[in-house]
C-alpha atoms as a PDB file:
ATOM      1  CA  UNK A   1      14.411 -29.813 -43.527  1.00  0.00           C
ATOM      2  CA  UNK A   2      10.930 -31.330 -43.505  1.00  0.00           C
ATOM      3  CA  UNK A   3      10.065 -34.297 -41.271  1.00  0.00           C
ATOM      4  CA  UNK A   4       9.690 -36.767 -44.122  1.00  0.00           C
ATOM      5  CA  UNK A   5      13.105 -35.960 -45.566  1.00  0.00           C
ATOM      6  CA  UNK A   6      14.838 -35.976 -42.161  1.00  0.00           C
ATOM      7  CA  UNK A   7      13.301 -39.374 -41.392  1.00  0.00           C
ATOM      8  CA  UNK A   8      14.476 -40.714 -44.735  1.00  0.00           C
ATOM      9  CA  UNK A   9      18.029 -39.465 -44.245  1.00  0.00           C
ATOM     10  CA  UNK A  10      18.343 -40.815 -40.736  1.00  0.00           C
ATOM     11  CA  UNK A  11      16.713 -44.123 -41.643  1.00  0.00           C
ATOM     12  CA  UNK A  12      19.089 -44.473 -44.603  1.00  0.00           C
ATOM     13  CA  UNK A  13      22.047 -43.698 -42.335  1.00  0.00           C
ATOM     14  CA  UNK A  14      21.172 -46.543 -39.957  1.00  0.00           C
ATOM     15  CA  UNK A  15      20.379 -48.927 -42.793  1.00  0.00           C
ATOM     16  CA  UNK A  16      23.733 -48.241 -44.430  1.00  0.00           C
ATOM     17  CA  UNK A  17      25.457 -49.140 -41.168  1.00  0.00           C
ATOM     18  CA  UNK A  18      24.240 -52.725 -41.575  1.00  0.00           C
ATOM     19  CA  UNK A  19      23.884 -52.943 -45.339  1.00  0.00           C
ATOM     20  CA  UNK A  20      25.097 -56.193 -46.846  1.00  0.00           C
ATOM     21  CA  UNK A  21      23.577 -56.557 -50.286  1.00  0.00           C
ATOM     22  CA  UNK A  22      21.167 -53.685 -51.011  1.00  0.00           C
ATOM     23  CA  UNK A  23      22.165 -51.677 -54.074  1.00  0.00           C
ATOM     24  CA  UNK A  24      21.373 -48.003 -54.517  1.00  0.00           C
ATOM     25  CA  UNK A  25      18.447 -48.933 -56.764  1.00  0.00           C
ATOM     26  CA  UNK A  26      17.116 -51.275 -54.043  1.00  0.00           C
ATOM     27  CA  UNK A  27      17.385 -48.529 -51.409  1.00  0.00           C
ATOM     28  CA  UNK A  28      15.627 -46.078 -53.707  1.00  0.00           C
ATOM     29  CA  UNK A  29      12.659 -48.444 -54.034  1.00  0.00           C
ATOM     30  CA  UNK A  30      12.583 -49.067 -50.280  1.00  0.00           C
ATOM     31  CA  UNK A  31      12.507 -45.365 -49.464  1.00  0.00           C
ATOM     32  CA  UNK A  32      10.200 -44.400 -52.307  1.00  0.00           C
ATOM     33  CA  UNK A  33      12.628 -42.051 -54.003  1.00  0.00           C
ATOM     34  CA  UNK A  34      15.085 -41.944 -56.904  1.00  0.00           C
ATOM     35  CA  UNK A  35      18.628 -43.240 -57.140  1.00  0.00           C
ATOM     36  CA  UNK A  36      20.027 -39.710 -57.490  1.00  0.00           C
ATOM     37  CA  UNK A  37      18.457 -38.785 -54.160  1.00  0.00           C
ATOM     38  CA  UNK A  38      20.142 -41.741 -52.442  1.00  0.00           C
ATOM     39  CA  UNK A  39      23.494 -40.736 -53.944  1.00  0.00           C
ATOM     40  CA  UNK A  40      22.975 -37.147 -52.680  1.00  0.00           C
ATOM     41  CA  UNK A  41      22.335 -38.452 -49.158  1.00  0.00           C
ATOM     42  CA  UNK A  42      25.435 -40.646 -49.343  1.00  0.00           C
ATOM     43  CA  UNK A  43      27.462 -37.630 -50.452  1.00  0.00           C
ATOM     44  CA  UNK A  44      26.057 -35.723 -47.456  1.00  0.00           C
ATOM     45  CA  UNK A  45      27.301 -38.462 -45.096  1.00  0.00           C
ATOM     46  CA  UNK A  46      30.722 -38.394 -46.749  1.00  0.00           C
ATOM     47  CA  UNK A  47      30.943 -34.617 -46.260  1.00  0.00           C
ATOM     48  CA  UNK A  48      30.133 -35.137 -42.574  1.00  0.00           C
ATOM     49  CA  UNK A  49      33.122 -37.477 -42.272  1.00  0.00           C
ATOM     50  CA  UNK A  50      31.578 -40.935 -42.632  1.00  0.00           C
ATOM     51  CA  UNK A  51      33.625 -43.505 -44.549  1.00  0.00           C
ATOM     52  CA  UNK A  52      32.076 -46.062 -46.910  1.00  0.00           C
ATOM     53  CA  UNK A  53      32.970 -49.376 -48.467  1.00  0.00           C
ATOM     54  CA  UNK A  54      31.600 -49.958 -51.966  1.00  0.00           C
ATOM     55  CA  UNK A  55      31.264 -53.407 -53.485  1.00  0.00           C
ATOM     56  CA  UNK A  56      30.290 -54.487 -56.978  1.00  0.00           C
ATOM     57  CA  UNK A  57      26.786 -53.425 -57.909  1.00  0.00           C
ATOM     58  CA  UNK A  58      26.792 -50.116 -55.992  1.00  0.00           C
ATOM     59  CA  UNK A  59      26.342 -51.681 -52.550  1.00  0.00           C
ATOM     60  CA  UNK A  60      27.294 -48.930 -50.095  1.00  0.00           C
ATOM     61  CA  UNK A  61      28.004 -49.540 -46.413  1.00  0.00           C
ATOM     62  CA  UNK A  62      29.188 -47.202 -43.628  1.00  0.00           C
ATOM     63  CA  UNK A  63      32.390 -48.608 -42.116  1.00  0.00           C
ATOM     64  CA  UNK A  64      33.733 -45.675 -40.064  1.00  0.00           C
ATOM     65  CA  UNK A  65      32.243 -42.728 -38.218  1.00  0.00           C
ATOM     66  CA  UNK A  66      33.638 -39.188 -37.831  1.00  0.00           C
ATOM     67  CA  UNK A  67      35.471 -38.457 -34.585  1.00  0.00           C
ATOM     68  CA  UNK A  68      32.947 -35.787 -33.587  1.00  0.00           C
ATOM     69  CA  UNK A  69      29.969 -38.083 -34.235  1.00  0.00           C
ATOM     70  CA  UNK A  70      28.789 -38.127 -30.605  1.00  0.00           C
ATOM     71  CA  UNK A  71      28.541 -34.340 -30.472  1.00  0.00           C
ATOM     72  CA  UNK A  72      25.734 -34.521 -33.019  1.00  0.00           C
ATOM     73  CA  UNK A  73      23.615 -36.179 -30.340  1.00  0.00           C
ATOM     74  CA  UNK A  74      24.840 -34.472 -27.170  1.00  0.00           C
ATOM     75  CA  UNK A  75      22.066 -34.108 -24.591  1.00  0.00           C
ATOM     76  CA  UNK A  76      21.757 -31.050 -22.362  1.00  0.00           C
ATOM     77  CA  UNK A  77      22.643 -31.895 -18.734  1.00  0.00           C
ATOM     78  CA  UNK A  78      19.579 -30.047 -17.538  1.00  0.00           C
ATOM     79  CA  UNK A  79      17.355 -32.497 -19.416  1.00  0.00           C
ATOM     80  CA  UNK A  80      18.627 -35.699 -17.775  1.00  0.00           C
ATOM     81  CA  UNK A  81      19.877 -37.084 -14.478  1.00  0.00           C
ATOM     82  CA  UNK A  82      23.434 -37.379 -15.736  1.00  0.00           C
ATOM     83  CA  UNK A  83      23.784 -41.036 -14.788  1.00  0.00           C
ATOM     84  CA  UNK A  84      23.613 -42.856 -18.102  1.00  0.00           C
ATOM     85  CA  UNK A  85      27.044 -44.298 -18.898  1.00  0.00           C
ATOM     86  CA  UNK A  86      27.494 -44.693 -22.607  1.00  0.00           C
ATOM     87  CA  UNK A  87      30.670 -44.286 -24.617  1.00  0.00           C
ATOM     88  CA  UNK A  88      33.023 -45.699 -27.191  1.00  0.00           C
ATOM     89  CA  UNK A  89      36.045 -47.891 -26.409  1.00  0.00           C
ATOM     90  CA  UNK A  90      38.427 -44.924 -26.311  1.00  0.00           C
ATOM     91  CA  UNK A  91      36.236 -42.847 -24.013  1.00  0.00           C
ATOM     92  CA  UNK A  92      36.462 -42.610 -20.236  1.00  0.00           C
ATOM     93  CA  UNK A  93      33.052 -42.861 -18.593  1.00  0.00           C
ATOM     94  CA  UNK A  94      32.526 -40.205 -15.922  1.00  0.00           C
ATOM     95  CA  UNK A  95      29.266 -40.250 -14.022  1.00  0.00           C
ATOM     96  CA  UNK A  96      27.344 -37.090 -13.179  1.00  0.00           C
ATOM     97  CA  UNK A  97      28.961 -35.211 -16.046  1.00  0.00           C
ATOM     98  CA  UNK A  98      25.998 -35.316 -18.398  1.00  0.00           C
ATOM     99  CA  UNK A  99      25.463 -38.055 -20.934  1.00  0.00           C
ATOM    100  CA  UNK A 100      26.526 -38.641 -24.483  1.00  0.00           C
ATOM    101  CA  UNK A 101      23.884 -41.021 -25.766  1.00  0.00           C
ATOM    102  CA  UNK A 102      22.431 -41.559 -29.171  1.00  0.00           C
ATOM    103  CA  UNK A 103      18.862 -40.909 -28.041  1.00  0.00           C
ATOM    104  CA  UNK A 104      17.950 -40.510 -31.687  1.00  0.00           C
ATOM    105  CA  UNK A 105      17.202 -44.231 -31.659  1.00  0.00           C
ATOM    106  CA  UNK A 106      14.034 -43.435 -29.728  1.00  0.00           C
ATOM    107  CA  UNK A 107      12.827 -41.046 -32.427  1.00  0.00           C
ATOM    108  CA  UNK A 108      11.759 -43.743 -34.852  1.00  0.00           C
ATOM    109  CA  UNK A 109       8.104 -43.715 -35.843  1.00  0.00           C
ATOM    110  CA  UNK A 110       5.974 -46.672 -36.895  1.00  0.00           C
ATOM    111  CA  UNK A 111       5.720 -45.375 -40.463  1.00  0.00           C
ATOM    112  CA  UNK A 112       9.462 -44.843 -40.811  1.00  0.00           C
ATOM    113  CA  UNK A 113      10.761 -47.053 -43.677  1.00  0.00           C
ATOM    114  CA  UNK A 114      13.677 -48.242 -41.537  1.00  0.00           C
ATOM    115  CA  UNK A 115      11.365 -49.801 -38.931  1.00  0.00           C
ATOM    116  CA  UNK A 116       9.687 -51.929 -41.599  1.00  0.00           C
ATOM    117  CA  UNK A 117      12.848 -54.060 -41.829  1.00  0.00           C
ATOM    118  CA  UNK A 118      12.291 -56.803 -39.183  1.00  0.00           C
ATOM    119  CA  UNK A 119      15.976 -57.409 -38.379  1.00  0.00           C
ATOM    120  CA  UNK A 120      16.800 -53.734 -37.921  1.00  0.00           C
ATOM    121  CA  UNK A 121      13.535 -52.982 -36.158  1.00  0.00           C
ATOM    122  CA  UNK A 122      14.342 -55.656 -33.561  1.00  0.00           C
ATOM    123  CA  UNK A 123      17.773 -54.095 -33.033  1.00  0.00           C
ATOM    124  CA  UNK A 124      16.243 -50.627 -32.553  1.00  0.00           C
ATOM    125  CA  UNK A 125      13.613 -51.851 -30.072  1.00  0.00           C
ATOM    126  CA  UNK A 126      16.135 -53.819 -28.023  1.00  0.00           C
ATOM    127  CA  UNK A 127      18.636 -50.950 -28.040  1.00  0.00           C
ATOM    128  CA  UNK A 128      15.969 -48.593 -26.671  1.00  0.00           C
ATOM    129  CA  UNK A 129      15.065 -51.050 -23.907  1.00  0.00           C
ATOM    130  CA  UNK A 130      18.702 -51.416 -22.926  1.00  0.00           C
ATOM    131  CA  UNK A 131      19.170 -47.634 -22.889  1.00  0.00           C
ATOM    132  CA  UNK A 132      16.186 -47.364 -20.547  1.00  0.00           C
ATOM    133  CA  UNK A 133      17.507 -50.157 -18.303  1.00  0.00           C
ATOM    134  CA  UNK A 134      20.909 -48.468 -18.061  1.00  0.00           C
ATOM    135  CA  UNK A 135      19.375 -45.113 -17.141  1.00  0.00           C
ATOM    136  CA  UNK A 136      17.127 -46.695 -14.505  1.00  0.00           C
ATOM    137  CA  UNK A 137      19.809 -49.169 -13.328  1.00  0.00           C
ATOM    138  CA  UNK A 138      17.566 -52.166 -13.884  1.00  0.00           C
ATOM    139  CA  UNK A 139      18.384 -55.845 -14.340  1.00  0.00           C
ATOM    140  CA  UNK A 140      17.292 -57.274 -17.711  1.00  0.00           C
ATOM    141  CA  UNK A 141      16.744 -60.737 -19.139  1.00  0.00           C
ATOM    142  CA  UNK A 142      18.105 -61.334 -22.622  1.00  0.00           C
ATOM    143  CA  UNK A 143      15.746 -63.815 -24.274  1.00  0.00           C
ATOM    144  CA  UNK A 144      16.806 -66.013 -27.194  1.00  0.00           C
ATOM    145  CA  UNK A 145      20.384 -64.746 -27.100  1.00  0.00           C
ATOM    146  CA  UNK A 146      22.442 -66.228 -29.950  1.00  0.00           C
ATOM    147  CA  UNK A 147      25.451 -67.472 -28.007  1.00  0.00           C
ATOM    148  CA  UNK A 148      28.611 -68.056 -30.030  1.00  0.00           C
ATOM    149  CA  UNK A 149      30.255 -70.058 -27.233  1.00  0.00           C
ATOM    150  CA  UNK A 150      27.270 -72.412 -26.862  1.00  0.00           C
ATOM    151  CA  UNK A 151      26.440 -72.341 -30.570  1.00  0.00           C
ATOM    152  CA  UNK A 152      22.778 -72.045 -29.646  1.00  0.00           C
ATOM    153  CA  UNK A 153      20.091 -69.940 -27.995  1.00  0.00           C
ATOM    154  CA  UNK A 154      20.024 -69.165 -24.285  1.00  0.00           C
ATOM    155  CA  UNK A 155      18.769 -66.688 -21.689  1.00  0.00           C
ATOM    156  CA  UNK A 156      20.982 -64.299 -19.786  1.00  0.00           C
ATOM    157  CA  UNK A 157      20.097 -62.296 -16.677  1.00  0.00           C
ATOM    158  CA  UNK A 158      22.413 -59.279 -16.639  1.00  0.00           C
ATOM    159  CA  UNK A 159      23.013 -55.753 -15.390  1.00  0.00           C
ATOM    160  CA  UNK A 160      23.638 -53.679 -18.569  1.00  0.00           C
ATOM    161  CA  UNK A 161      25.890 -50.697 -17.860  1.00  0.00           C
ATOM    162  CA  UNK A 162      27.661 -49.541 -21.037  1.00  0.00           C
ATOM    163  CA  UNK A 163      27.791 -49.702 -24.833  1.00  0.00           C
ATOM    164  CA  UNK A 164      30.508 -49.538 -27.456  1.00  0.00           C
ATOM    165  CA  UNK A 165      30.889 -49.394 -31.239  1.00  0.00           C
ATOM    166  CA  UNK A 166      27.687 -47.418 -31.721  1.00  0.00           C
ATOM    167  CA  UNK A 167      25.366 -49.760 -29.834  1.00  0.00           C
ATOM    168  CA  UNK A 168      26.576 -52.897 -31.610  1.00  0.00           C
ATOM    169  CA  UNK A 169      27.991 -54.203 -28.348  1.00  0.00           C
ATOM    170  CA  UNK A 170      26.797 -53.942 -24.734  1.00  0.00           C
ATOM    171  CA  UNK A 171      28.772 -54.407 -21.545  1.00  0.00           C
ATOM    172  CA  UNK A 172      26.820 -56.161 -18.803  1.00  0.00           C
ATOM    173  CA  UNK A 173      27.431 -58.001 -15.553  1.00  0.00           C
ATOM    174  CA  UNK A 174      26.158 -61.592 -15.788  1.00  0.00           C
ATOM    175  CA  UNK A 175      24.521 -62.299 -12.408  1.00  0.00           C
ATOM    176  CA  UNK A 176      24.778 -66.092 -12.803  1.00  0.00           C
ATOM    177  CA  UNK A 177      28.346 -66.336 -14.052  1.00  0.00           C
ATOM    178  CA  UNK A 178      29.338 -63.422 -11.778  1.00  0.00           C
ATOM    179  CA  UNK A 179      31.495 -61.718 -14.391  1.00  0.00           C
ATOM    180  CA  UNK A 180      31.382 -58.878 -16.898  1.00  0.00           C
ATOM    181  CA  UNK A 181      30.497 -60.000 -20.406  1.00  0.00           C
ATOM    182  CA  UNK A 182      30.310 -58.377 -23.823  1.00  0.00           C
ATOM    183  CA  UNK A 183      27.032 -58.981 -25.655  1.00  0.00           C
ATOM    184  CA  UNK A 184      26.252 -58.190 -29.268  1.00  0.00           C
ATOM    185  CA  UNK A 185      22.936 -56.334 -29.415  1.00  0.00           C
ATOM    186  CA  UNK A 186      22.054 -57.726 -32.845  1.00  0.00           C
ATOM    187  CA  UNK A 187      22.165 -61.258 -31.378  1.00  0.00           C
ATOM    188  CA  UNK A 188      19.497 -60.543 -28.751  1.00  0.00           C
ATOM    189  CA  UNK A 189      16.029 -61.893 -29.508  1.00  0.00           C
ATOM    190  CA  UNK A 190      14.169 -59.782 -26.963  1.00  0.00           C
ATOM    191  CA  UNK A 191      14.956 -57.680 -23.885  1.00  0.00           C
ATOM    192  CA  UNK A 192      12.827 -57.929 -20.741  1.00  0.00           C
ATOM    193  CA  UNK A 193      13.320 -55.180 -18.177  1.00  0.00           C
ATOM    194  CA  UNK A 194      12.716 -56.539 -14.664  1.00  0.00           C
ATOM    195  CA  UNK A 195      11.796 -54.707 -11.438  1.00  0.00           C
ATOM    196  CA  UNK A 196      15.158 -55.639  -9.918  1.00  0.00           C
ATOM    197  CA  UNK A 197      17.794 -52.938  -9.530  1.00  0.00           C
ATOM    198  CA  UNK A 198      21.552 -53.345  -9.813  1.00  0.00           C
ATOM    199  CA  UNK A 199      23.290 -54.977  -6.844  1.00  0.00           C
ATOM    200  CA  UNK A 200      26.781 -55.473  -8.308  1.00  0.00           C
ATOM    201  CA  UNK A 201      27.557 -51.986  -9.567  1.00  0.00           C
ATOM    202  CA  UNK A 202      30.991 -51.991  -7.897  1.00  0.00           C
ATOM    203  CA  UNK A 203      31.939 -54.954 -10.081  1.00  0.00           C
ATOM    204  CA  UNK A 204      30.953 -53.293 -13.354  1.00  0.00           C
ATOM    205  CA  UNK A 205      34.071 -52.979 -15.453  1.00  0.00           C
ATOM    206  CA  UNK A 206      34.765 -52.809 -19.158  1.00  0.00           C
ATOM    207  CA  UNK A 207      37.574 -54.760 -20.755  1.00  0.00           C
ATOM    208  CA  UNK A 208      39.473 -54.235 -23.966  1.00  0.00           C
ATOM    209  CA  UNK A 209      37.662 -55.056 -27.207  1.00  0.00           C
ATOM    210  CA  UNK A 210      39.548 -55.802 -30.398  1.00  0.00           C
ATOM    211  CA  UNK A 211      38.581 -55.308 -34.030  1.00  0.00           C
ATOM    212  CA  UNK A 212      37.041 -58.807 -34.149  1.00  0.00           C
ATOM    213  CA  UNK A 213      34.613 -57.937 -31.350  1.00  0.00           C
ATOM    214  CA  UNK A 214      36.484 -60.165 -28.860  1.00  0.00           C
ATOM    215  CA  UNK A 215      36.983 -58.847 -25.329  1.00  0.00           C
ATOM    216  CA  UNK A 216      39.642 -59.589 -22.722  1.00  0.00           C
ATOM    217  CA  UNK A 217      41.874 -58.188 -19.992  1.00  0.00           C
ATOM    218  CA  UNK A 218      45.038 -58.523 -22.058  1.00  0.00           C
ATOM    219  CA  UNK A 219      45.920 -57.838 -25.679  1.00  0.00           C
ATOM    220  CA  UNK A 220      48.638 -59.134 -27.979  1.00  0.00           C
ATOM    221  CA  UNK A 221      50.082 -57.209 -30.944  1.00  0.00           C
ATOM    222  CA  UNK A 222      49.777 -58.754 -34.413  1.00  0.00           C
ATOM    223  CA  UNK A 223      50.822 -57.650 -37.871  1.00  0.00           C
ATOM    224  CA  UNK A 224      49.562 -59.170 -41.108  1.00  0.00           C
ATOM    225  CA  UNK A 225      50.323 -58.492 -44.766  1.00  0.00           C
ATOM    226  CA  UNK A 226      47.346 -59.290 -46.986  1.00  0.00           C
ATOM    227  CA  UNK A 227      45.945 -59.023 -50.471  1.00  0.00           C
ATOM    228  CA  UNK A 228      43.349 -56.458 -51.463  1.00  0.00           C
ATOM    229  CA  UNK A 229      40.685 -59.163 -51.556  1.00  0.00           C
ATOM    230  CA  UNK A 230      41.550 -60.357 -48.050  1.00  0.00           C
ATOM    231  CA  UNK A 231      41.469 -56.762 -46.778  1.00  0.00           C
ATOM    232  CA  UNK A 232      38.037 -56.149 -48.251  1.00  0.00           C
ATOM    233  CA  UNK A 233      36.639 -59.342 -46.725  1.00  0.00           C
ATOM    234  CA  UNK A 234      38.139 -58.419 -43.345  1.00  0.00           C
ATOM    235  CA  UNK A 235      36.498 -54.980 -43.352  1.00  0.00           C
ATOM    236  CA  UNK A 236      33.218 -56.415 -44.618  1.00  0.00           C
ATOM    237  CA  UNK A 237      33.038 -58.884 -41.702  1.00  0.00           C
ATOM    238  CA  UNK A 238      34.711 -56.652 -39.098  1.00  0.00           C
ATOM    239  CA  UNK A 239      34.185 -52.930 -39.886  1.00  0.00           C
ATOM    240  CA  UNK A 240      36.399 -51.807 -36.986  1.00  0.00           C
ATOM    241  CA  UNK A 241      39.386 -53.073 -38.980  1.00  0.00           C
ATOM    242  CA  UNK A 242      39.233 -50.014 -41.235  1.00  0.00           C
ATOM    243  CA  UNK A 243      40.960 -48.052 -38.461  1.00  0.00           C
ATOM    244  CA  UNK A 244      44.027 -50.284 -38.421  1.00  0.00           C
ATOM    245  CA  UNK A 245      44.658 -51.292 -42.054  1.00  0.00           C
ATOM    246  CA  UNK A 246      46.954 -49.311 -44.329  1.00  0.00           C
ATOM    247  CA  UNK A 247      47.938 -49.779 -47.934  1.00  0.00           C
ATOM    248  CA  UNK A 248      51.591 -50.638 -48.528  1.00  0.00           C
ATOM    249  CA  UNK A 249      52.968 -47.821 -50.656  1.00  0.00           C
ATOM    250  CA  UNK A 250      53.548 -48.785 -54.267  1.00  0.00           C
ATOM    251  CA  UNK A 251      51.748 -52.098 -53.848  1.00  0.00           C
ATOM    252  CA  UNK A 252      48.293 -53.655 -54.043  1.00  0.00           C
ATOM    253  CA  UNK A 253      48.877 -55.279 -50.647  1.00  0.00           C
ATOM    254  CA  UNK A 254      47.658 -54.043 -47.274  1.00  0.00           C
ATOM    255  CA  UNK A 255      49.079 -54.092 -43.762  1.00  0.00           C
ATOM    256  CA  UNK A 256      47.076 -54.820 -40.608  1.00  0.00           C
ATOM    257  CA  UNK A 257      48.683 -53.767 -37.338  1.00  0.00           C
ATOM    258  CA  UNK A 258      46.507 -54.208 -34.257  1.00  0.00           C
ATOM    259  CA  UNK A 259      46.118 -55.491 -30.713  1.00  0.00           C
ATOM    260  CA  UNK A 260      43.902 -58.548 -30.294  1.00  0.00           C
ATOM    261  CA  UNK A 261      42.414 -60.246 -27.239  1.00  0.00           C
ATOM    262  CA  UNK A 262      42.435 -63.742 -28.734  1.00  0.00           C
ATOM    263  CA  UNK A 263      43.914 -65.597 -31.682  1.00  0.00           C
ATOM    264  CA  UNK A 264      40.739 -67.564 -32.477  1.00  0.00           C
ATOM    265  CA  UNK A 265      39.139 -65.054 -34.844  1.00  0.00           C
ATOM    266  CA  UNK A 266      42.510 -64.153 -36.368  1.00  0.00           C
ATOM    267  CA  UNK A 267      43.123 -67.829 -37.107  1.00  0.00           C
ATOM    268  CA  UNK A 268      39.672 -68.238 -38.659  1.00  0.00           C
ATOM    269  CA  UNK A 269      40.351 -65.264 -40.947  1.00  0.00           C
ATOM    270  CA  UNK A 270      43.834 -66.462 -41.912  1.00  0.00           C
ATOM    271  CA  UNK A 271      42.521 -69.967 -42.649  1.00  0.00           C
ATOM    272  CA  UNK A 272      40.150 -68.534 -45.231  1.00  0.00           C
ATOM    273  CA  UNK A 273      43.011 -66.757 -47.022  1.00  0.00           C
ATOM    274  CA  UNK A 274      46.000 -69.026 -46.412  1.00  0.00           C
ATOM    275  CA  UNK A 275      47.660 -68.031 -49.686  1.00  0.00           C
ATOM    276  CA  UNK A 276      46.820 -64.321 -49.362  1.00  0.00           C
ATOM    277  CA  UNK A 277      47.800 -63.514 -45.760  1.00  0.00           C
ATOM    278  CA  UNK A 278      51.332 -63.427 -44.357  1.00  0.00           C
ATOM    279  CA  UNK A 279      51.906 -63.290 -40.590  1.00  0.00           C
ATOM    280  CA  UNK A 280      54.609 -60.725 -39.871  1.00  0.00           C
ATOM    281  CA  UNK A 281      54.172 -60.386 -36.120  1.00  0.00           C
ATOM    282  CA  UNK A 282      52.341 -62.244 -33.351  1.00  0.00           C
ATOM    283  CA  UNK A 283      53.918 -64.353 -30.616  1.00  0.00           C
ATOM    284  CA  UNK A 284      52.984 -67.944 -31.454  1.00  0.00           C
ATOM    285  CA  UNK A 285      50.297 -66.875 -33.943  1.00  0.00           C
ATOM    286  CA  UNK A 286      51.674 -68.871 -36.885  1.00  0.00           C
ATOM    287  CA  UNK A 287      51.700 -72.114 -34.859  1.00  0.00           C
ATOM    288  CA  UNK A 288      48.203 -71.332 -33.578  1.00  0.00           C
ATOM    289  CA  UNK A 289      46.873 -70.870 -37.133  1.00  0.00           C
ATOM    290  CA  UNK A 290      48.457 -74.157 -38.265  1.00  0.00           C
ATOM    291  CA  UNK A 291      46.978 -76.076 -35.318  1.00  0.00           C
ATOM    292  CA  UNK A 292      43.593 -74.409 -35.807  1.00  0.00           C
ATOM    293  CA  UNK A 293      43.556 -75.309 -39.508  1.00  0.00           C
ATOM    294  CA  UNK A 294      44.533 -78.908 -38.801  1.00  0.00           C
ATOM    295  CA  UNK A 295      41.738 -79.248 -36.232  1.00  0.00           C
ATOM    296  CA  UNK A 296      39.169 -77.886 -38.668  1.00  0.00           C
ATOM    297  CA  UNK A 297      40.366 -80.265 -41.398  1.00  0.00           C
ATOM    298  CA  UNK A 298      40.162 -83.202 -38.987  1.00  0.00           C
ATOM    299  CA  UNK A 299      36.600 -82.240 -38.009  1.00  0.00           C
ATOM    300  CA  UNK A 300      35.643 -81.975 -41.683  1.00  0.00           C
ATOM    301  CA  UNK A 301      37.057 -85.463 -42.360  1.00  0.00           C
ATOM    302  CA  UNK A 302      35.149 -86.934 -39.395  1.00  0.00           C
ATOM    303  CA  UNK A 303      31.890 -85.333 -40.526  1.00  0.00           C
ATOM    304  CA  UNK A 304      32.414 -86.612 -44.077  1.00  0.00           C
ATOM    305  CA  UNK A 305      33.217 -90.111 -42.811  1.00  0.00           C
ATOM    306  CA  UNK A 306      30.060 -90.072 -40.669  1.00  0.00           C
ATOM    307  CA  UNK A 307      27.914 -89.093 -43.639  1.00  0.00           C
ATOM    308  CA  UNK A 308      29.413 -91.795 -45.824  1.00  0.00           C
ATOM    309  CA  UNK A 309      28.780 -94.365 -43.092  1.00  0.00           C
ATOM    310  CA  UNK A 310      25.112 -93.335 -42.902  1.00  0.00           C
ATOM    311  CA  UNK A 311      24.600 -93.693 -46.664  1.00  0.00           C
ATOM    312  CA  UNK A 312      26.438 -97.041 -46.871  1.00  0.00           C
END
């Protein structure tokens, strides 16, 4: 395989992981090739075990990876210090046993089509910096982090020590809050590697992470019956859900059975499909969804009243 073709295939693979609205024809123009070539590459990924979602207009997106995906990027122990802890949620991290890291991220070149996409280029650069910080056990500052809890931008000084869901999320110890936190790499504006080394390594500990990207020490089982449309929206917003949804035999409906760390994201999803989602299991979940919906409606009424008062 020549370098140009290998770059195109790998760049397409990473782009498809985050694809939202690019059709095959759009991808063909981006990569300077024909639509048939893009379809051949997609077929190659399918043969390797990758699973895709396809929406109207031939918008392809990778939603699940093959179980042996990490072996494609296994690094020889003799070529590293064996101290880089990186794994998926189901893996047990064992130090000094070599590393399973997707070092392919560092192989991007400036002329690679993928790196010309600002959003994805930022993700790649930040992921590489965090990989380096983990290997060297350095403290980093996350600049312009898009905090969901604060609903704004902030800075975080952390000790990054692990990743999950193919570099989408990073585990780090927040030195100010003195606790382990889960950060989404795509929400980081810039990563600054400091000269400080880890001081709280004994406190580094991963927690559970559910399909909504929420972390916690405890999980609660839920079971939902939903329409096909609700299932597709769920997978589109939260790709990890593809592992835990199953079609109900002889029906167009789907069943979600999973463990969640919080009801907040579940309630937000159910609120958007009140007439298409049925709660079958979840201790107190139905009451939580009702209260959540009522609070959102009350906020909407207050905002509307405030706007009317301003225009009066």
